[in-house]
N, C-alpha and C. Protein backbone atom coordinates (compact mmCIF):
# COMPACT_ATOMS: atom_id res chain seq x y z
N MET A 1 1.60 14.86 -70.81
CA MET A 1 1.33 13.55 -70.31
C MET A 1 1.40 13.65 -68.59
N ILE A 2 2.24 14.26 -68.25
CA ILE A 2 2.28 14.72 -66.64
C ILE A 2 1.24 16.00 -66.64
N ALA A 3 1.08 16.52 -67.34
CA ALA A 3 -0.03 17.97 -67.22
C ALA A 3 -1.54 17.31 -66.92
N ALA A 4 -1.52 16.00 -67.96
CA ALA A 4 -2.75 15.54 -67.91
C ALA A 4 -3.11 14.89 -66.53
N VAL A 5 -2.12 14.03 -65.91
CA VAL A 5 -1.99 13.63 -64.72
C VAL A 5 -2.32 14.63 -63.50
N ILE A 6 -1.64 15.74 -63.71
CA ILE A 6 -1.89 16.76 -62.73
C ILE A 6 -3.04 17.36 -62.73
N ALA A 7 -3.78 17.44 -63.90
CA ALA A 7 -5.16 17.82 -63.86
C ALA A 7 -6.05 17.07 -63.61
N LEU A 8 -6.01 15.65 -63.80
CA LEU A 8 -6.90 14.64 -63.17
C LEU A 8 -6.82 14.54 -61.80
N ALA A 9 -5.96 14.69 -61.10
CA ALA A 9 -5.73 14.37 -59.36
C ALA A 9 -6.25 15.65 -59.03
N GLY A 10 -6.19 16.96 -59.53
CA GLY A 10 -6.77 18.03 -59.27
C GLY A 10 -8.35 18.04 -59.28
N LEU A 11 -8.76 17.73 -60.74
CA LEU A 11 -10.28 17.07 -60.74
C LEU A 11 -10.94 16.32 -59.67
N SER A 12 -10.11 15.52 -59.43
CA SER A 12 -10.43 14.32 -58.24
C SER A 12 -10.42 14.95 -56.99
N ALA A 13 -9.64 15.69 -56.50
CA ALA A 13 -9.71 16.41 -55.54
C ALA A 13 -10.76 17.25 -55.15
N VAL A 14 -11.37 18.01 -56.34
CA VAL A 14 -12.33 19.31 -56.20
C VAL A 14 -13.56 18.22 -56.18
N LEU A 15 -13.69 16.99 -56.99
CA LEU A 15 -14.89 16.28 -56.74
C LEU A 15 -15.19 15.72 -55.17
N ALA A 16 -13.97 15.32 -54.76
CA ALA A 16 -14.33 14.85 -53.63
C ALA A 16 -14.63 15.73 -52.60
N VAL A 17 -14.21 16.82 -52.32
CA VAL A 17 -14.50 17.95 -51.69
C VAL A 17 -15.76 18.42 -51.82
N ALA A 18 -16.21 18.25 -53.26
CA ALA A 18 -17.94 18.65 -53.43
C ALA A 18 -18.59 17.57 -53.05
N LEU A 19 -18.26 15.96 -52.93
CA LEU A 19 -18.84 15.42 -52.65
C LEU A 19 -18.96 15.24 -50.91
N LEU A 20 -18.13 15.70 -50.47
CA LEU A 20 -17.88 15.70 -49.05
C LEU A 20 -18.83 16.55 -48.43
N ALA A 21 -18.73 17.66 -48.91
CA ALA A 21 -19.69 19.19 -48.73
C ALA A 21 -21.15 18.63 -48.96
N ARG A 22 -21.41 18.01 -50.12
CA ARG A 22 -22.80 17.41 -50.02
C ARG A 22 -23.32 16.75 -49.18
N SER A 23 -22.80 15.77 -49.16
CA SER A 23 -22.95 14.78 -47.75
C SER A 23 -23.15 15.23 -46.51
N GLY A 24 -22.81 16.37 -45.92
CA GLY A 24 -23.38 16.86 -44.81
C GLY A 24 -21.99 16.53 -43.89
N PHE A 25 -20.78 15.54 -44.41
CA PHE A 25 -19.98 15.32 -43.39
C PHE A 25 -19.09 16.43 -42.77
N ARG A 26 -19.03 16.35 -41.63
CA ARG A 26 -18.12 17.45 -40.73
C ARG A 26 -17.46 17.05 -39.95
N VAL A 27 -16.21 17.22 -39.63
CA VAL A 27 -14.93 17.03 -38.93
C VAL A 27 -15.37 18.28 -37.67
N ARG A 28 -15.50 17.31 -36.65
CA ARG A 28 -16.13 17.92 -35.40
C ARG A 28 -14.94 17.94 -34.39
N LYS A 29 -14.19 19.26 -34.19
CA LYS A 29 -13.08 19.31 -33.43
C LYS A 29 -13.84 19.85 -31.97
N PRO A 30 -13.08 18.83 -30.83
CA PRO A 30 -13.37 19.62 -29.40
C PRO A 30 -12.93 21.20 -29.54
N ARG A 31 -13.87 22.03 -28.77
CA ARG A 31 -13.57 23.22 -28.79
C ARG A 31 -14.29 23.64 -27.69
N ALA A 32 -13.72 24.64 -26.59
CA ALA A 32 -14.25 25.18 -25.49
C ALA A 32 -15.90 25.91 -26.05
N GLY A 33 -16.58 25.19 -25.40
CA GLY A 33 -17.96 25.71 -25.78
C GLY A 33 -18.41 26.91 -24.77
N ILE A 34 -19.19 27.72 -25.12
CA ILE A 34 -19.51 28.85 -24.02
C ILE A 34 -20.70 28.28 -23.33
N ARG A 35 -21.30 27.13 -23.50
CA ARG A 35 -22.17 26.68 -22.56
C ARG A 35 -21.13 25.81 -21.55
N ARG A 36 -21.80 25.62 -20.65
CA ARG A 36 -21.42 24.67 -19.61
C ARG A 36 -22.42 23.80 -18.73
N VAL A 37 -22.02 22.32 -18.89
CA VAL A 37 -23.19 21.64 -18.00
C VAL A 37 -22.31 20.79 -17.23
N LEU A 38 -22.79 21.05 -15.78
CA LEU A 38 -22.35 20.59 -14.62
C LEU A 38 -22.69 19.08 -14.21
N VAL A 39 -21.83 18.35 -13.72
CA VAL A 39 -22.07 17.12 -13.46
C VAL A 39 -21.62 17.17 -11.93
N PRO A 40 -22.23 17.02 -10.98
CA PRO A 40 -21.66 17.01 -9.54
C PRO A 40 -22.05 15.62 -8.89
N PHE A 41 -20.77 15.20 -8.27
CA PHE A 41 -20.97 13.73 -7.95
C PHE A 41 -20.00 13.45 -6.75
N THR A 42 -19.98 12.76 -5.88
CA THR A 42 -19.45 12.66 -4.46
C THR A 42 -19.64 11.11 -4.21
N GLY A 43 -18.81 10.74 -3.25
CA GLY A 43 -18.91 9.17 -2.73
C GLY A 43 -18.15 8.14 -3.72
N GLY A 44 -17.29 8.66 -4.22
CA GLY A 44 -16.44 7.75 -5.12
C GLY A 44 -16.82 7.37 -6.30
N THR A 45 -17.93 7.57 -6.79
CA THR A 45 -18.76 6.99 -7.95
C THR A 45 -19.34 7.84 -8.81
N LEU A 46 -19.56 7.67 -10.09
CA LEU A 46 -20.54 8.62 -10.76
C LEU A 46 -21.35 7.41 -11.90
N ASP A 47 -22.41 7.20 -12.03
CA ASP A 47 -22.88 5.91 -12.69
C ASP A 47 -22.71 6.34 -14.14
N PRO A 48 -22.32 5.50 -14.58
CA PRO A 48 -22.43 5.52 -16.18
C PRO A 48 -23.36 6.33 -16.50
N THR A 49 -24.67 5.86 -16.61
CA THR A 49 -25.81 6.20 -17.12
C THR A 49 -25.96 7.66 -17.03
N VAL A 50 -25.44 8.19 -15.69
CA VAL A 50 -25.70 9.56 -15.67
C VAL A 50 -24.74 10.26 -16.26
N LEU A 51 -22.99 9.92 -16.55
CA LEU A 51 -22.33 10.45 -17.24
C LEU A 51 -22.41 10.18 -18.71
N ASP A 52 -23.00 9.18 -19.25
CA ASP A 52 -23.47 9.08 -20.75
C ASP A 52 -24.53 10.43 -20.82
N ALA A 53 -25.51 10.61 -20.14
CA ALA A 53 -26.62 11.63 -20.20
C ALA A 53 -26.01 12.85 -20.48
N ALA A 54 -24.94 13.19 -19.55
CA ALA A 54 -24.59 14.29 -19.45
C ALA A 54 -23.40 14.64 -20.66
N ILE A 55 -22.68 13.73 -21.09
CA ILE A 55 -22.06 13.89 -22.26
C ILE A 55 -22.87 14.12 -23.55
N ARG A 56 -24.11 13.36 -23.73
CA ARG A 56 -25.11 13.77 -24.61
C ARG A 56 -25.70 15.06 -24.70
N LEU A 57 -26.00 15.45 -23.69
CA LEU A 57 -26.31 16.93 -23.38
C LEU A 57 -25.67 17.89 -23.95
N ALA A 58 -24.07 17.51 -23.33
CA ALA A 58 -23.10 18.60 -23.84
C ALA A 58 -22.82 18.66 -25.30
N GLN A 59 -22.81 17.49 -25.81
CA GLN A 59 -22.52 17.20 -27.45
C GLN A 59 -23.78 18.16 -27.93
N ALA A 60 -25.10 17.96 -27.58
CA ALA A 60 -26.14 18.37 -28.38
C ALA A 60 -25.95 20.02 -28.38
N GLU A 61 -25.74 20.48 -27.19
CA GLU A 61 -25.74 22.12 -26.85
C GLU A 61 -24.25 22.81 -27.10
N ASP A 62 -23.38 21.81 -27.76
CA ASP A 62 -21.71 22.33 -27.81
C ASP A 62 -21.39 22.76 -26.63
N ALA A 63 -21.55 22.44 -25.64
CA ALA A 63 -21.35 22.81 -24.21
C ALA A 63 -19.81 22.20 -23.73
N THR A 64 -19.31 22.69 -22.86
CA THR A 64 -18.23 22.12 -22.34
C THR A 64 -18.82 21.28 -20.89
N LEU A 65 -18.11 19.99 -20.66
CA LEU A 65 -18.88 19.28 -19.59
C LEU A 65 -17.81 19.52 -18.21
N VAL A 66 -18.62 19.98 -17.29
CA VAL A 66 -17.84 20.30 -16.20
C VAL A 66 -18.15 19.26 -15.06
N PRO A 67 -17.44 18.23 -15.07
CA PRO A 67 -17.56 17.22 -13.89
C PRO A 67 -16.93 17.85 -12.60
N ALA A 68 -17.73 17.67 -11.60
CA ALA A 68 -17.41 18.47 -10.19
C ALA A 68 -17.46 17.26 -9.08
N TYR A 69 -16.07 16.81 -8.61
CA TYR A 69 -16.37 15.86 -7.47
C TYR A 69 -16.36 16.80 -6.31
N LEU A 70 -17.46 16.32 -5.49
CA LEU A 70 -17.45 17.19 -4.16
C LEU A 70 -16.77 16.38 -2.96
N LEU A 71 -16.00 17.00 -2.77
CA LEU A 71 -15.26 16.21 -1.42
C LEU A 71 -15.91 17.00 -0.07
N LEU A 72 -15.93 15.89 0.79
CA LEU A 72 -16.62 16.21 1.97
C LEU A 72 -15.62 16.13 2.87
N VAL A 73 -15.60 17.14 3.57
CA VAL A 73 -14.66 17.48 4.98
C VAL A 73 -15.38 17.06 6.11
N PRO A 74 -14.82 16.01 6.77
CA PRO A 74 -15.26 15.90 8.33
C PRO A 74 -15.19 17.20 9.25
N LEU A 75 -16.05 17.27 9.98
CA LEU A 75 -16.19 18.33 10.80
C LEU A 75 -14.67 18.27 11.94
N GLN A 76 -14.08 17.30 12.28
CA GLN A 76 -12.91 17.39 12.83
C GLN A 76 -11.71 18.13 12.31
N TYR A 77 -11.73 18.12 10.88
CA TYR A 77 -10.64 18.89 10.01
C TYR A 77 -11.20 20.24 9.68
N ALA A 78 -10.33 21.14 9.70
CA ALA A 78 -10.43 22.44 9.39
C ALA A 78 -10.85 22.32 7.64
N GLU A 79 -11.80 23.25 7.02
CA GLU A 79 -12.23 23.19 5.86
C GLU A 79 -11.07 23.19 4.55
N ASP A 80 -9.79 23.85 5.02
CA ASP A 80 -8.80 23.77 3.98
C ASP A 80 -7.85 22.76 4.18
N SER A 81 -8.12 21.64 4.70
CA SER A 81 -7.02 20.65 4.99
C SER A 81 -7.04 19.76 3.69
N PRO A 82 -6.03 19.25 3.21
CA PRO A 82 -5.53 18.64 2.04
C PRO A 82 -6.35 17.36 1.71
N LEU A 83 -6.61 16.83 2.87
CA LEU A 83 -7.33 15.25 2.45
C LEU A 83 -6.84 14.52 1.15
N ARG A 84 -5.56 14.03 1.40
CA ARG A 84 -4.75 13.57 0.34
C ARG A 84 -5.44 12.24 -0.17
N ASP A 85 -6.40 11.34 0.79
CA ASP A 85 -6.76 10.37 0.63
C ASP A 85 -7.96 10.41 -0.17
N GLU A 86 -8.81 11.63 -0.16
CA GLU A 86 -9.99 11.65 -0.88
C GLU A 86 -9.83 12.12 -2.10
N VAL A 87 -8.58 12.99 -2.08
CA VAL A 87 -8.20 13.46 -3.62
C VAL A 87 -7.43 12.36 -4.41
N ALA A 88 -7.10 11.28 -4.00
CA ALA A 88 -6.71 10.29 -4.43
C ALA A 88 -7.70 9.57 -5.27
N VAL A 89 -8.99 9.58 -4.41
CA VAL A 89 -10.03 8.72 -5.00
C VAL A 89 -10.68 9.54 -6.19
N ALA A 90 -10.63 10.91 -5.88
CA ALA A 90 -11.21 11.61 -6.79
C ALA A 90 -10.66 11.91 -8.18
N VAL A 91 -9.28 12.22 -8.09
CA VAL A 91 -8.84 12.34 -9.51
C VAL A 91 -8.76 11.21 -10.58
N PRO A 92 -8.42 9.79 -10.47
CA PRO A 92 -8.70 9.05 -11.04
C PRO A 92 -9.89 8.94 -11.79
N LEU A 93 -11.28 9.27 -10.91
CA LEU A 93 -12.50 9.38 -11.30
C LEU A 93 -12.76 10.52 -12.24
N LEU A 94 -12.05 11.80 -12.05
CA LEU A 94 -12.39 12.51 -12.96
C LEU A 94 -11.43 12.39 -14.39
N GLU A 95 -10.58 11.72 -14.31
CA GLU A 95 -9.80 11.49 -15.35
C GLU A 95 -10.47 10.47 -16.59
N ALA A 96 -11.14 9.52 -15.57
CA ALA A 96 -12.19 8.62 -16.68
C ALA A 96 -13.30 9.12 -16.98
N VAL A 97 -13.91 10.46 -16.44
CA VAL A 97 -14.63 11.21 -16.93
C VAL A 97 -14.29 11.78 -18.16
N GLU A 98 -12.86 12.57 -18.04
CA GLU A 98 -12.64 13.56 -19.03
C GLU A 98 -12.06 12.79 -20.34
N HIS A 99 -11.56 11.19 -20.35
CA HIS A 99 -11.26 10.38 -21.26
C HIS A 99 -12.65 10.11 -22.04
N ALA A 100 -13.72 9.97 -21.40
CA ALA A 100 -14.89 9.49 -21.90
C ALA A 100 -15.58 10.69 -22.93
N ALA A 101 -15.64 11.79 -22.00
CA ALA A 101 -16.24 13.00 -23.00
C ALA A 101 -15.16 13.36 -24.11
N LEU A 102 -13.89 13.29 -23.61
CA LEU A 102 -13.13 13.65 -24.94
C LEU A 102 -13.17 12.59 -26.00
N ARG A 103 -13.37 11.35 -25.82
CA ARG A 103 -13.62 10.68 -26.84
C ARG A 103 -14.85 10.74 -27.77
N ALA A 104 -15.87 11.34 -26.99
CA ALA A 104 -17.34 11.60 -27.88
C ALA A 104 -17.06 13.45 -28.27
N GLY A 105 -15.89 13.90 -27.99
CA GLY A 105 -15.23 15.03 -28.66
C GLY A 105 -16.06 16.40 -27.50
N VAL A 106 -16.25 16.09 -26.70
CA VAL A 106 -16.67 16.94 -25.66
C VAL A 106 -15.58 17.79 -24.91
N PRO A 107 -15.44 19.00 -24.87
CA PRO A 107 -14.68 19.77 -24.05
C PRO A 107 -14.76 19.74 -22.51
N VAL A 108 -13.85 19.35 -21.70
CA VAL A 108 -13.75 18.82 -20.21
C VAL A 108 -13.18 20.08 -19.42
N ASP A 109 -13.76 20.28 -18.43
CA ASP A 109 -13.16 21.21 -17.33
C ASP A 109 -13.57 20.76 -15.93
N ALA A 110 -12.83 19.91 -15.29
CA ALA A 110 -13.18 19.30 -14.24
C ALA A 110 -12.78 19.95 -13.13
N ARG A 111 -13.30 19.89 -11.98
CA ARG A 111 -13.09 20.51 -10.53
C ARG A 111 -13.18 19.70 -9.65
N ILE A 112 -12.74 19.88 -8.43
CA ILE A 112 -12.65 19.42 -7.00
C ILE A 112 -13.32 20.42 -6.10
N GLU A 113 -14.37 20.33 -5.69
CA GLU A 113 -14.76 21.30 -4.66
C GLU A 113 -15.08 20.80 -3.36
N LYS A 114 -14.55 21.28 -1.99
CA LYS A 114 -14.91 21.00 -0.81
C LYS A 114 -15.94 21.67 -0.23
N GLY A 115 -16.47 20.62 0.88
CA GLY A 115 -17.28 21.41 1.77
C GLY A 115 -17.47 20.43 2.60
N ARG A 116 -18.80 20.91 3.79
CA ARG A 116 -18.73 19.68 4.92
C ARG A 116 -20.11 19.03 4.69
N SER A 117 -20.74 19.11 3.40
CA SER A 117 -21.91 18.25 3.04
C SER A 117 -21.65 18.68 1.44
N PRO A 118 -22.28 17.50 0.80
CA PRO A 118 -22.54 17.94 -0.90
C PRO A 118 -23.04 19.22 -0.85
N THR A 119 -24.19 19.42 -0.36
CA THR A 119 -24.89 20.90 -0.88
C THR A 119 -24.11 21.95 -0.33
N HIS A 120 -23.33 21.76 0.86
CA HIS A 120 -22.28 23.07 1.09
C HIS A 120 -21.36 22.95 -0.24
N ALA A 121 -20.88 21.94 -0.70
CA ALA A 121 -19.92 22.19 -1.68
C ALA A 121 -20.46 22.85 -2.99
N LEU A 122 -21.46 22.26 -3.46
CA LEU A 122 -22.33 22.68 -4.40
C LEU A 122 -22.72 24.35 -4.09
N ARG A 123 -23.18 24.59 -3.16
CA ARG A 123 -23.34 26.18 -2.65
C ARG A 123 -22.02 27.05 -3.09
N ARG A 124 -20.96 26.53 -2.73
CA ARG A 124 -19.67 27.11 -2.90
C ARG A 124 -19.28 27.12 -3.97
N LEU A 125 -19.28 26.19 -5.23
CA LEU A 125 -19.36 26.17 -6.60
C LEU A 125 -20.11 26.80 -7.42
N TRP A 126 -21.27 26.71 -7.04
CA TRP A 126 -22.44 27.77 -7.73
C TRP A 126 -22.18 29.39 -7.55
N ASP A 127 -21.42 29.89 -6.20
CA ASP A 127 -21.21 30.89 -5.77
C ASP A 127 -20.04 31.34 -6.85
N GLU A 128 -19.26 30.65 -7.43
CA GLU A 128 -18.07 31.11 -7.90
C GLU A 128 -18.09 31.30 -9.47
N GLU A 129 -19.05 30.05 -9.65
CA GLU A 129 -19.03 29.65 -11.39
C GLU A 129 -20.68 29.65 -12.00
N ARG A 130 -20.64 30.25 -13.28
CA ARG A 130 -21.93 30.11 -14.00
C ARG A 130 -22.28 28.70 -14.59
N PHE A 131 -23.52 28.02 -14.57
CA PHE A 131 -23.55 26.79 -15.26
C PHE A 131 -24.70 26.98 -16.02
N ASP A 132 -24.84 26.31 -17.40
CA ASP A 132 -26.07 26.58 -17.94
C ASP A 132 -27.16 25.40 -17.73
N ARG A 133 -26.48 24.25 -17.35
CA ARG A 133 -27.32 22.98 -17.17
C ARG A 133 -26.66 22.58 -15.94
N ILE A 134 -27.71 21.52 -15.09
CA ILE A 134 -27.08 20.82 -14.04
C ILE A 134 -27.29 19.39 -14.18
N VAL A 135 -26.56 18.56 -14.42
CA VAL A 135 -27.16 16.91 -14.36
C VAL A 135 -26.71 16.20 -13.02
N ALA A 136 -27.52 15.99 -12.08
CA ALA A 136 -27.57 15.51 -11.04
C ALA A 136 -27.88 13.73 -10.72
N PRO A 137 -26.73 13.42 -10.25
CA PRO A 137 -27.44 11.87 -9.91
C PRO A 137 -28.45 11.46 -8.66
N ALA A 138 -29.41 11.21 -9.25
CA ALA A 138 -30.49 10.80 -7.83
C ALA A 138 -29.93 9.19 -7.35
N PRO A 139 -30.39 9.21 -5.72
CA PRO A 139 -29.86 8.08 -5.28
C PRO A 139 -30.50 6.61 -6.10
N ASN A 140 -29.70 5.77 -5.93
CA ASN A 140 -30.45 4.38 -6.75
C ASN A 140 -29.96 3.35 -5.92
N GLY A 141 -29.89 3.24 -4.49
CA GLY A 141 -29.63 2.08 -3.76
C GLY A 141 -28.35 1.67 -3.06
N ARG A 142 -27.37 2.58 -3.45
CA ARG A 142 -26.21 2.75 -2.90
C ARG A 142 -26.14 3.75 -1.72
N GLU A 143 -25.09 3.42 -0.70
CA GLU A 143 -25.16 4.26 0.39
C GLU A 143 -24.41 5.79 0.20
N ASP A 144 -23.47 5.71 -0.62
CA ASP A 144 -22.56 6.95 -0.95
C ASP A 144 -23.20 7.81 -1.99
N GLY A 145 -22.88 9.11 -2.37
CA GLY A 145 -23.68 9.78 -3.06
C GLY A 145 -24.17 10.80 -2.70
N PHE A 146 -25.20 11.33 -3.48
CA PHE A 146 -26.38 11.98 -2.94
C PHE A 146 -27.49 11.46 -2.28
N THR A 147 -28.21 11.87 -1.47
CA THR A 147 -29.44 11.39 -0.97
C THR A 147 -30.48 12.03 -1.26
N ALA A 148 -31.83 11.56 -0.79
CA ALA A 148 -33.15 12.55 -1.12
C ALA A 148 -33.36 13.67 -0.76
N LYS A 149 -32.62 13.86 0.58
CA LYS A 149 -32.68 15.55 0.86
C LYS A 149 -31.94 16.09 -0.05
N ASP A 150 -30.41 15.54 -0.40
CA ASP A 150 -29.60 16.59 -1.33
C ASP A 150 -30.30 16.72 -2.61
N VAL A 151 -30.84 15.68 -2.94
CA VAL A 151 -31.74 16.11 -4.16
C VAL A 151 -32.81 17.15 -4.15
N THR A 152 -33.46 17.01 -3.47
CA THR A 152 -34.57 18.07 -2.85
C THR A 152 -34.18 19.50 -2.99
N TRP A 153 -32.64 19.61 -2.06
CA TRP A 153 -32.09 20.72 -1.85
C TRP A 153 -31.54 21.45 -3.21
N ILE A 154 -31.02 20.64 -4.29
CA ILE A 154 -30.56 20.83 -5.35
C ILE A 154 -31.52 21.48 -6.29
N LEU A 155 -33.17 20.59 -6.29
CA LEU A 155 -33.92 21.34 -7.41
C LEU A 155 -34.38 22.57 -6.39
N ALA A 156 -34.23 22.62 -5.30
CA ALA A 156 -34.90 24.08 -5.03
C ALA A 156 -33.80 25.34 -4.90
N HIS A 157 -32.50 24.84 -4.94
CA HIS A 157 -31.67 25.98 -5.09
C HIS A 157 -30.87 26.11 -6.32
N ALA A 158 -30.88 25.15 -7.02
CA ALA A 158 -29.78 25.47 -8.53
C ALA A 158 -30.28 26.53 -9.05
N PRO A 159 -29.21 27.05 -9.31
CA PRO A 159 -28.98 28.56 -10.26
C PRO A 159 -29.61 28.26 -11.53
N SER A 160 -29.44 26.91 -12.32
CA SER A 160 -29.82 26.78 -13.42
C SER A 160 -30.92 25.57 -13.82
N GLU A 161 -30.96 25.56 -14.95
CA GLU A 161 -32.17 24.33 -15.51
C GLU A 161 -31.35 22.99 -14.90
N THR A 162 -32.08 22.13 -14.27
CA THR A 162 -31.71 20.88 -13.60
C THR A 162 -32.07 19.79 -13.90
N ILE A 163 -31.19 18.75 -14.43
CA ILE A 163 -32.14 17.27 -14.73
C ILE A 163 -31.38 16.37 -13.64
N VAL A 164 -32.46 15.61 -12.80
CA VAL A 164 -32.19 14.79 -12.06
C VAL A 164 -32.30 13.30 -12.64
N LEU A 165 -31.17 12.80 -12.44
CA LEU A 165 -31.66 11.21 -13.27
C LEU A 165 -31.20 9.99 -12.31
N LYS A 166 -32.18 9.34 -12.33
CA LYS A 166 -32.11 8.42 -11.47
C LYS A 166 -31.79 6.92 -12.36
N PRO A 167 -30.69 6.32 -12.14
CA PRO A 167 -30.51 5.28 -13.00
C PRO A 167 -30.81 4.00 -12.22
N THR A 168 -31.27 2.88 -13.18
CA THR A 168 -31.57 1.63 -12.53
C THR A 168 -31.16 1.57 -11.26
N PRO A 169 -31.68 1.01 -10.10
CA PRO A 169 -31.31 0.43 -8.98
C PRO A 169 -30.20 -0.63 -9.00
N LEU A 170 -29.20 -0.44 -8.15
CA LEU A 170 -28.27 -1.63 -8.02
C LEU A 170 -28.91 -2.87 -7.38
N THR A 171 -28.70 -3.88 -7.82
CA THR A 171 -29.37 -5.11 -7.37
C THR A 171 -28.44 -5.84 -6.60
N ALA A 172 -28.65 -6.88 -5.55
CA ALA A 172 -27.60 -7.67 -5.08
C ALA A 172 -27.81 -9.11 -6.15
N ALA A 173 -26.40 -9.49 -6.30
CA ALA A 173 -26.48 -10.53 -7.49
C ALA A 173 -26.40 -11.82 -6.50
């Protein structure tokens, strides 16, 4: 009797595994992808539309998402100044991006890069690291973030394929 129950349990387990394999169901574990998708942003915000698009792209390419907060250093300070107030703004944003990506099963490798301007910070980042794709937010009616001039520079100087995404403009309610 016990042998029959054990045999039935074993047969059930084998059938369950066979059905799962046939159905195409796969458990996807976040793992460090070889490919890297850069999402640079500045100004204390990253539009959710841009973030969602970057996460979907990283999922599709089995890539690591690299959100990079571009910290702008005013001319009155040395480039290596700590800028604690700006870092206090950047860290929670990067943590929110990381949580969103990890919920989607996408590995994350966040950055904070300093520069005198967004393009200066991007140039410094591109000099140090390689990226397969860049997803850059276009201006959408707010004052902070990339300007049209920054986006033009990004498109002209980006070292890899670049997507510029312009979310729906903000409207006054």
